[in-house]
Amino acid sequence: MKNFKSIALALVVVLSTISVSAQTKKVDASKSSIVWTGKKVTGAHEGTINLKDGNLIFKGKTLVGGTFNVDMTSMTVTDLKAGQGKEKLEGHLKADDFFGTDKHETATLVFKKVTVKSPNVYTVNGDLTIKGIAKPVTFDLATTANSATTKVIVDRTKYDIKYNSGNFFENLGDKVIYDDFDLAVVLKF
């Protein structure tokens, strides 16, 4: 019986060192940033959106998952000054033509699959939900001990945001707004 207990104890010790438990790192929303850029025929606009909350999940030092919530009502335009079109563009982006933030205050991202691309760089496949519509997205995410960065390209038309899209409306001329917008994300944890 003594041998059996010793063998069982040794087996538990070996298995516990082999399996690495998942560690969730909470993202500090106040120190993180999301910068958006939208382009049109005649130029571009950019601004910020606040992260509400989020976390990254690691097994050992390897990223295996993550979830994020973004406060769409916090959307601001940073390339225009007050009184020079800033308020008008912010209002339009929050209106139903674009993100409809009165009805859809939060956008979410849930990682579905994470694969190692190179040391500390991962390819993430996830579901991005905007305006209640979930669509798959793929992007690369680079990590350090206390941060992560990525650039995500989003096709707005997949989320029923078709305003002045050249793929849906004809004869827009220089009023065309490109379908893709970029998100430059810096996460601190």
Protein backbone atom coordinates (compact mmCIF):
# COMPACT_ATOMS: atom_id res chain seq x y z
CA MET A 1 0.00 0.00 0.00
CA LYS A 2 2.87 2.34 0.82
CA ASN A 3 4.34 1.74 -2.68
CA PHE A 4 0.98 2.52 -4.29
CA LYS A 5 0.74 5.87 -2.44
CA SER A 6 4.29 6.77 -3.45
CA ILE A 7 3.62 5.91 -7.10
CA ALA A 8 0.34 7.86 -7.10
CA LEU A 9 2.01 10.89 -5.52
CA ALA A 10 4.86 10.76 -8.05
CA LEU A 11 2.33 10.53 -10.90
CA VAL A 12 0.43 13.58 -9.62
CA VAL A 13 3.66 15.60 -9.37
CA VAL A 14 4.74 14.62 -12.90
CA LEU A 15 1.34 15.39 -14.44
CA SER A 16 1.04 18.73 -12.67
CA THR A 17 4.42 19.86 -14.04
CA ILE A 18 3.55 18.72 -17.57
CA SER A 19 0.18 20.43 -17.84
CA VAL A 20 0.27 24.22 -17.76
CA SER A 21 -2.84 25.93 -16.55
CA ALA A 22 -4.31 28.87 -18.42
CA GLN A 23 -3.61 32.35 -17.09
CA THR A 24 -5.95 35.23 -17.88
CA LYS A 25 -4.34 38.65 -18.16
CA LYS A 26 -6.82 41.48 -17.78
CA VAL A 27 -6.22 44.35 -20.16
CA ASP A 28 -5.96 47.81 -18.59
CA ALA A 29 -8.51 49.72 -20.67
CA SER A 30 -7.33 53.10 -19.38
CA LYS A 31 -3.79 52.52 -20.72
CA SER A 32 -4.79 50.76 -23.95
CA SER A 33 -5.72 52.48 -27.21
CA ILE A 34 -7.65 51.88 -30.41
CA VAL A 35 -7.05 54.28 -33.30
CA TRP A 36 -9.32 53.98 -36.35
CA THR A 37 -8.62 55.24 -39.87
CA GLY A 38 -11.27 55.46 -42.57
CA LYS A 39 -10.34 56.41 -46.13
CA LYS A 40 -12.24 58.01 -48.97
CA VAL A 41 -11.37 59.11 -52.49
CA THR A 42 -10.50 62.62 -51.34
CA GLY A 43 -8.54 61.73 -48.18
CA ALA A 44 -8.96 60.06 -44.80
CA HIS A 45 -10.19 60.62 -41.27
CA GLU A 46 -8.99 59.12 -38.04
CA GLY A 47 -9.95 59.00 -34.43
CA THR A 48 -10.16 56.84 -31.33
CA ILE A 49 -12.53 54.38 -29.69
CA ASN A 50 -12.26 53.31 -26.05
CA LEU A 51 -11.84 49.74 -24.93
CA LYS A 52 -14.39 48.88 -22.21
CA ASP A 53 -12.66 45.72 -21.04
CA GLY A 54 -10.81 42.71 -22.28
CA ASN A 55 -8.44 39.91 -21.51
CA LEU A 56 -5.85 37.69 -23.11
CA ILE A 57 -5.49 34.05 -22.12
CA PHE A 58 -2.07 32.41 -22.01
CA LYS A 59 -0.95 28.85 -21.41
CA GLY A 60 2.52 29.34 -20.07
CA LYS A 61 3.94 32.04 -22.36
CA THR A 62 1.76 31.07 -25.35
CA LEU A 63 -1.34 33.07 -26.25
CA VAL A 64 -4.41 30.81 -26.57
CA GLY A 65 -7.44 33.13 -26.39
CA GLY A 66 -8.96 36.51 -25.72
CA THR A 67 -12.17 38.54 -25.51
CA PHE A 68 -12.77 42.29 -25.81
CA ASN A 69 -15.60 44.79 -25.52
CA VAL A 70 -15.36 48.21 -27.18
CA ASP A 71 -17.43 51.27 -26.20
CA MET A 72 -18.73 52.45 -29.60
CA THR A 73 -20.32 55.54 -28.01
CA SER A 74 -16.80 56.81 -27.20
CA MET A 75 -15.89 57.18 -30.88
CA THR A 76 -14.11 60.47 -31.56
CA VAL A 77 -12.57 62.15 -34.59
CA THR A 78 -9.01 63.40 -33.97
CA ASP A 79 -8.03 64.85 -37.35
CA LEU A 80 -10.64 67.65 -37.27
CA LYS A 81 -10.97 70.51 -34.79
CA ALA A 82 -14.09 71.56 -32.93
CA GLY A 83 -16.19 73.84 -35.07
CA GLN A 84 -14.48 72.61 -38.27
CA GLY A 85 -16.56 69.51 -38.94
CA LYS A 86 -15.48 67.36 -35.97
CA GLU A 87 -18.90 67.28 -34.27
CA LYS A 88 -20.75 66.70 -37.54
CA LEU A 89 -18.57 63.73 -38.52
CA GLU A 90 -18.72 62.21 -35.01
CA GLY A 91 -22.52 62.49 -35.07
CA HIS A 92 -22.71 60.89 -38.50
CA LEU A 93 -20.42 58.00 -37.50
CA LYS A 94 -22.63 57.32 -34.47
CA ALA A 95 -25.84 57.52 -36.55
CA ASP A 96 -27.60 54.56 -38.17
CA ASP A 97 -25.83 55.24 -41.52
CA PHE A 98 -22.67 53.99 -39.83
CA PHE A 99 -22.40 52.40 -36.37
CA GLY A 100 -25.83 53.17 -34.85
CA THR A 101 -24.39 53.59 -31.36
CA ASP A 102 -27.78 54.45 -29.81
CA LYS A 103 -28.85 50.84 -30.44
CA HIS A 104 -25.43 49.18 -30.58
CA GLU A 105 -23.29 50.65 -27.82
CA THR A 106 -20.77 47.81 -27.71
CA ALA A 107 -18.71 45.93 -30.29
CA THR A 108 -17.09 42.64 -29.27
CA LEU A 109 -14.19 40.49 -30.38
CA VAL A 110 -13.85 36.85 -29.34
CA PHE A 111 -10.77 34.85 -30.31
CA LYS A 112 -11.75 31.48 -31.83
CA LYS A 113 -8.35 30.11 -32.90
CA VAL A 114 -4.82 31.31 -32.16
CA THR A 115 -1.76 29.91 -33.94
CA VAL A 116 1.90 30.76 -33.42
CA LYS A 117 3.31 32.60 -36.43
CA SER A 118 6.76 33.35 -34.97
CA PRO A 119 8.11 33.98 -31.45
CA ASN A 120 5.60 36.25 -29.68
CA VAL A 121 3.58 36.79 -32.88
CA TYR A 122 0.26 35.01 -33.36
CA THR A 123 -2.31 34.72 -36.12
CA VAL A 124 -5.74 35.19 -34.55
CA ASN A 125 -9.04 34.07 -36.06
CA GLY A 126 -11.95 35.58 -34.21
CA ASP A 127 -15.53 36.74 -34.39
CA LEU A 128 -16.00 40.52 -34.49
CA THR A 129 -19.51 41.75 -33.69
CA ILE A 130 -20.53 45.25 -34.81
CA LYS A 131 -24.17 46.42 -34.88
CA GLY A 132 -25.20 42.97 -33.63
CA ILE A 133 -23.67 41.27 -36.69
CA ALA A 134 -20.86 38.75 -36.05
CA LYS A 135 -18.35 38.08 -38.82
CA PRO A 136 -14.97 36.34 -38.84
CA VAL A 137 -11.76 38.39 -38.84
CA THR A 138 -8.11 37.36 -39.07
CA PHE A 139 -5.13 39.41 -37.93
CA ASP A 140 -1.64 39.09 -36.47
CA LEU A 141 -1.03 40.03 -32.83
CA ALA A 142 2.43 40.70 -31.37
CA THR A 143 2.92 40.30 -27.61
CA THR A 144 5.46 41.30 -24.97
CA ALA A 145 5.41 40.60 -21.24
CA ASN A 146 2.90 43.39 -20.58
CA SER A 147 1.48 44.51 -23.94
CA ALA A 148 0.10 43.41 -27.29
CA THR A 149 -0.26 45.25 -30.60
CA THR A 150 -2.12 44.62 -33.83
CA LYS A 151 -3.57 46.22 -36.90
CA VAL A 152 -7.00 44.92 -37.90
CA ILE A 153 -8.58 45.66 -41.28
CA VAL A 154 -12.38 45.59 -41.17
CA ASP A 155 -14.77 45.59 -44.14
CA ARG A 156 -17.59 47.79 -42.87
CA THR A 157 -20.09 46.52 -45.47
CA LYS A 158 -20.12 43.11 -43.76
CA TYR A 159 -21.77 44.88 -40.80
CA ASP A 160 -24.46 46.60 -42.90
CA ILE A 161 -22.53 49.88 -43.05
CA LYS A 162 -22.94 50.71 -46.72
CA TYR A 163 -23.09 54.52 -46.69
CA ASN A 164 -21.34 55.87 -49.84
CA SER A 165 -19.78 52.48 -50.64
CA GLY A 166 -18.75 52.25 -54.28
CA ASN A 167 -19.72 48.58 -54.19
CA PHE A 168 -23.36 49.40 -53.42
CA PHE A 169 -23.99 52.81 -54.99
CA GLU A 170 -23.24 54.12 -58.46
CA ASN A 171 -22.17 57.57 -59.60
CA LEU A 172 -20.73 58.65 -56.25
CA GLY A 173 -17.67 60.18 -57.88
CA ASP A 174 -15.37 61.69 -55.26
CA LYS A 175 -17.88 60.97 -52.48
CA VAL A 176 -16.92 57.25 -52.33
CA ILE A 177 -15.86 56.02 -48.89
CA TYR A 178 -13.73 52.88 -49.04
CA ASP A 179 -15.20 49.77 -47.49
CA ASP A 180 -12.18 48.86 -45.35
CA PHE A 181 -11.20 50.76 -42.23
CA ASP A 182 -8.12 50.14 -40.11
CA LEU A 183 -7.84 49.67 -36.37
CA ALA A 184 -4.41 50.14 -34.77
CA VAL A 185 -4.66 48.54 -31.33
CA VAL A 186 -2.26 48.77 -28.38
CA LEU A 187 -3.21 46.67 -25.34
CA LYS A 188 -1.56 47.10 -21.94
CA PHE A 189 -1.92 44.52 -19.17
